[in-house]
Amino acid sequence: MFTTRPWPEGRPGRPIEPAAPAPFAGAEQTLRAAAHVLLPALTPR
């Protein structure tokens, strides 16, 4: 999933907690602004 909506709390070079972007990524506004793509796996890992 790729979105054109910027994450408001994200700052270049600053560390973040792993769970911090989850509410943003799951927000309806983010999902509506996102492009979804499904890439086939050639071989299972």
PDB file of N, CA and C in Angstrom:
ATOM      1  N   MET A   1       0.848  -1.166   0.000  1.00  0.00           N
ATOM      2  CA  MET A   1       0.000   0.000   0.000  1.00  0.00           C
ATOM      3  C   MET A   1       0.895   1.231   0.000  1.00  0.00           C
ATOM      4  N   PHE A   2       0.619   2.138  -0.890  1.00  0.00           N
ATOM      5  CA  PHE A   2       1.357   3.401  -0.994  1.00  0.00           C
ATOM      6  C   PHE A   2       0.356   4.536  -0.878  1.00  0.00           C
ATOM      7  N   THR A   3       0.641   5.512  -0.042  1.00  0.00           N
ATOM      8  CA  THR A   3      -0.276   6.635   0.110  1.00  0.00           C
ATOM      9  C   THR A   3       0.432   7.956  -0.181  1.00  0.00           C
ATOM     10  N   THR A   4      -0.333   8.906  -0.633  1.00  0.00           N
ATOM     11  CA  THR A   4       0.204  10.244  -0.883  1.00  0.00           C
ATOM     12  C   THR A   4      -0.046  11.158   0.311  1.00  0.00           C
ATOM     13  N   ARG A   5      -0.717  10.637   1.315  1.00  0.00           N
ATOM     14  CA  ARG A   5      -1.005  11.404   2.530  1.00  0.00           C
ATOM     15  C   ARG A   5       0.205  11.334   3.455  1.00  0.00           C
ATOM     16  N   PRO A   6       0.759  12.477   3.866  1.00  0.00           N
ATOM     17  CA  PRO A   6       1.934  12.434   4.760  1.00  0.00           C
ATOM     18  C   PRO A   6       1.551  12.041   6.182  1.00  0.00           C
ATOM     19  N   TRP A   7       2.461  11.350   6.845  1.00  0.00           N
ATOM     20  CA  TRP A   7       2.251  10.984   8.245  1.00  0.00           C
ATOM     21  C   TRP A   7       2.618  12.207   9.083  1.00  0.00           C
ATOM     22  N   PRO A   8       1.669  12.821   9.790  1.00  0.00           N
ATOM     23  CA  PRO A   8       1.932  14.083  10.482  1.00  0.00           C
ATOM     24  C   PRO A   8       2.963  14.000  11.616  1.00  0.00           C
ATOM     25  N   GLU A   9       3.104  12.834  12.240  1.00  0.00           N
ATOM     26  CA  GLU A   9       4.058  12.716  13.357  1.00  0.00           C
ATOM     27  C   GLU A   9       5.458  12.320  12.892  1.00  0.00           C
ATOM     28  N   GLY A  10       5.591  11.929  11.636  1.00  0.00           N
ATOM     29  CA  GLY A  10       6.887  11.477  11.130  1.00  0.00           C
ATOM     30  C   GLY A  10       7.829  12.642  10.867  1.00  0.00           C
ATOM     31  N   ARG A  11       9.059  12.511  11.316  1.00  0.00           N
ATOM     32  CA  ARG A  11      10.089  13.517  11.082  1.00  0.00           C
ATOM     33  C   ARG A  11      11.344  12.816  10.587  1.00  0.00           C
ATOM     34  N   PRO A  12      11.960  13.297   9.527  1.00  0.00           N
ATOM     35  CA  PRO A  12      13.175  12.660   9.014  1.00  0.00           C
ATOM     36  C   PRO A  12      14.274  12.588  10.073  1.00  0.00           C
ATOM     37  N   GLY A  13      14.870  11.419  10.183  1.00  0.00           N
ATOM     38  CA  GLY A  13      15.990  11.231  11.094  1.00  0.00           C
ATOM     39  C   GLY A  13      15.621  10.966  12.539  1.00  0.00           C
ATOM     40  N   ARG A  14      14.364  11.045  12.887  1.00  0.00           N
ATOM     41  CA  ARG A  14      13.948  10.783  14.274  1.00  0.00           C
ATOM     42  C   ARG A  14      13.455   9.346  14.417  1.00  0.00           C
ATOM     43  N   PRO A  15      13.892   8.660  15.470  1.00  0.00           N
ATOM     44  CA  PRO A  15      13.427   7.288  15.683  1.00  0.00           C
ATOM     45  C   PRO A  15      11.946   7.276  16.095  1.00  0.00           C
ATOM     46  N   ILE A  16      11.272   6.195  15.745  1.00  0.00           N
ATOM     47  CA  ILE A  16       9.862   6.039  16.126  1.00  0.00           C
ATOM     48  C   ILE A  16       9.652   4.681  16.761  1.00  0.00           C
ATOM     49  N   GLU A  17       8.611   4.565  17.529  1.00  0.00           N
ATOM     50  CA  GLU A  17       8.218   3.276  18.092  1.00  0.00           C
ATOM     51  C   GLU A  17       7.572   2.460  16.969  1.00  0.00           C
ATOM     52  N   PRO A  18       7.780   1.146  16.942  1.00  0.00           N
ATOM     53  CA  PRO A  18       7.223   0.327  15.860  1.00  0.00           C
ATOM     54  C   PRO A  18       5.698   0.432  15.720  1.00  0.00           C
ATOM     55  N   ALA A  19       4.979   0.604  16.812  1.00  0.00           N
ATOM     56  CA  ALA A  19       3.515   0.657  16.748  1.00  0.00           C
ATOM     57  C   ALA A  19       2.977   2.057  16.455  1.00  0.00           C
ATOM     58  N   ALA A  20       3.837   3.062  16.434  1.00  0.00           N
ATOM     59  CA  ALA A  20       3.386   4.447  16.272  1.00  0.00           C
ATOM     60  C   ALA A  20       2.629   4.710  14.970  1.00  0.00           C
ATOM     61  N   PRO A  21       3.057   4.190  13.810  1.00  0.00           N
ATOM     62  CA  PRO A  21       2.333   4.504  12.571  1.00  0.00           C
ATOM     63  C   PRO A  21       1.061   3.685  12.352  1.00  0.00           C
ATOM     64  N   ALA A  22       0.769   2.713  13.189  1.00  0.00           N
ATOM     65  CA  ALA A  22      -0.391   1.839  12.979  1.00  0.00           C
ATOM     66  C   ALA A  22      -1.722   2.601  12.900  1.00  0.00           C
ATOM     67  N   PRO A  23      -2.016   3.522  13.820  1.00  0.00           N
ATOM     68  CA  PRO A  23      -3.286   4.246  13.708  1.00  0.00           C
ATOM     69  C   PRO A  23      -3.388   5.065  12.417  1.00  0.00           C
ATOM     70  N   PHE A  24      -2.273   5.630  11.970  1.00  0.00           N
ATOM     71  CA  PHE A  24      -2.262   6.392  10.722  1.00  0.00           C
ATOM     72  C   PHE A  24      -2.494   5.470   9.525  1.00  0.00           C
ATOM     73  N   ALA A  25      -1.792   4.341   9.513  1.00  0.00           N
ATOM     74  CA  ALA A  25      -1.906   3.412   8.387  1.00  0.00           C
ATOM     75  C   ALA A  25      -3.302   2.815   8.273  1.00  0.00           C
ATOM     76  N   GLY A  26      -3.988   2.650   9.386  1.00  0.00           N
ATOM     77  CA  GLY A  26      -5.323   2.065   9.370  1.00  0.00           C
ATOM     78  C   GLY A  26      -6.453   3.076   9.269  1.00  0.00           C
ATOM     79  N   ALA A  27      -6.121   4.356   9.260  1.00  0.00           N
ATOM     80  CA  ALA A  27      -7.155   5.397   9.208  1.00  0.00           C
ATOM     81  C   ALA A  27      -7.863   5.385   7.855  1.00  0.00           C
ATOM     82  N   GLU A  28      -9.152   5.601   7.879  1.00  0.00           N
ATOM     83  CA  GLU A  28      -9.940   5.585   6.648  1.00  0.00           C
ATOM     84  C   GLU A  28      -9.430   6.599   5.630  1.00  0.00           C
ATOM     85  N   GLN A  29      -9.052   7.774   6.085  1.00  0.00           N
ATOM     86  CA  GLN A  29      -8.546   8.816   5.180  1.00  0.00           C
ATOM     87  C   GLN A  29      -7.261   8.354   4.485  1.00  0.00           C
ATOM     88  N   THR A  30      -6.397   7.673   5.209  1.00  0.00           N
ATOM     89  CA  THR A  30      -5.165   7.153   4.623  1.00  0.00           C
ATOM     90  C   THR A  30      -5.476   6.078   3.590  1.00  0.00           C
ATOM     91  N   LEU A  31      -6.377   5.166   3.926  1.00  0.00           N
ATOM     92  CA  LEU A  31      -6.719   4.087   3.010  1.00  0.00           C
ATOM     93  C   LEU A  31      -7.390   4.600   1.748  1.00  0.00           C
ATOM     94  N   ARG A  32      -8.169   5.654   1.863  1.00  0.00           N
ATOM     95  CA  ARG A  32      -8.821   6.229   0.678  1.00  0.00           C
ATOM     96  C   ARG A  32      -7.810   6.935  -0.237  1.00  0.00           C
ATOM     97  N   ALA A  33      -6.720   7.440   0.320  1.00  0.00           N
ATOM     98  CA  ALA A  33      -5.702   8.141  -0.466  1.00  0.00           C
ATOM     99  C   ALA A  33      -4.612   7.199  -0.968  1.00  0.00           C
ATOM    100  N   ALA A  34      -4.738   5.908  -0.678  1.00  0.00           N
ATOM    101  CA  ALA A  34      -3.680   4.953  -0.993  1.00  0.00           C
ATOM    102  C   ALA A  34      -3.958   4.184  -2.273  1.00  0.00           C
ATOM    103  N   ALA A  35      -2.888   3.760  -2.904  1.00  0.00           N
ATOM    104  CA  ALA A  35      -2.953   2.834  -4.026  1.00  0.00           C
ATOM    105  C   ALA A  35      -2.600   1.454  -3.478  1.00  0.00           C
ATOM    106  N   HIS A  36      -3.356   0.468  -3.871  1.00  0.00           N
ATOM    107  CA  HIS A  36      -3.113  -0.895  -3.408  1.00  0.00           C
ATOM    108  C   HIS A  36      -2.620  -1.721  -4.589  1.00  0.00           C
ATOM    109  N   VAL A  37      -1.632  -2.544  -4.330  1.00  0.00           N
ATOM    110  CA  VAL A  37      -1.071  -3.379  -5.396  1.00  0.00           C
ATOM    111  C   VAL A  37      -0.821  -4.776  -4.838  1.00  0.00           C
ATOM    112  N   LEU A  38      -1.068  -5.765  -5.646  1.00  0.00           N
ATOM    113  CA  LEU A  38      -0.820  -7.149  -5.269  1.00  0.00           C
ATOM    114  C   LEU A  38       0.262  -7.691  -6.185  1.00  0.00           C
ATOM    115  N   LEU A  39       1.379  -8.076  -5.602  1.00  0.00           N
ATOM    116  CA  LEU A  39       2.498  -8.601  -6.376  1.00  0.00           C
ATOM    117  C   LEU A  39       2.556 -10.115  -6.188  1.00  0.00           C
ATOM    118  N   PRO A  40       2.631 -10.862  -7.270  1.00  0.00           N
ATOM    119  CA  PRO A  40       2.691 -12.323  -7.135  1.00  0.00           C
ATOM    120  C   PRO A  40       4.059 -12.780  -6.605  1.00  0.00           C
ATOM    121  N   ALA A  41       4.029 -13.780  -5.781  1.00  0.00           N
ATOM    122  CA  ALA A  41       5.266 -14.390  -5.277  1.00  0.00           C
ATOM    123  C   ALA A  41       5.654 -15.508  -6.236  1.00  0.00           C
ATOM    124  N   LEU A  42       6.861 -15.463  -6.756  1.00  0.00           N
ATOM    125  CA  LEU A  42       7.299 -16.479  -7.696  1.00  0.00           C
ATOM    126  C   LEU A  42       7.643 -17.785  -6.995  1.00  0.00           C
ATOM    127  N   THR A  43       8.250 -17.679  -5.812  1.00  0.00           N
ATOM    128  CA  THR A  43       8.568 -18.870  -5.031  1.00  0.00           C
ATOM    129  C   THR A  43       8.276 -18.594  -3.570  1.00  0.00           C
ATOM    130  N   PRO A  44       7.711 -19.542  -2.866  1.00  0.00           N
ATOM    131  CA  PRO A  44       7.480 -19.350  -1.426  1.00  0.00           C
ATOM    132  C   PRO A  44       8.807 -19.403  -0.667  1.00  0.00           C
ATOM    133  N   ARG A  45       8.870 -18.650   0.382  1.00  0.00           N
ATOM    134  CA  ARG A  45      10.092 -18.652   1.206  1.00  0.00           C
ATOM    135  C   ARG A  45       9.831 -19.315   2.516  1.00  0.00           C
TER     136      ARG A  45
END
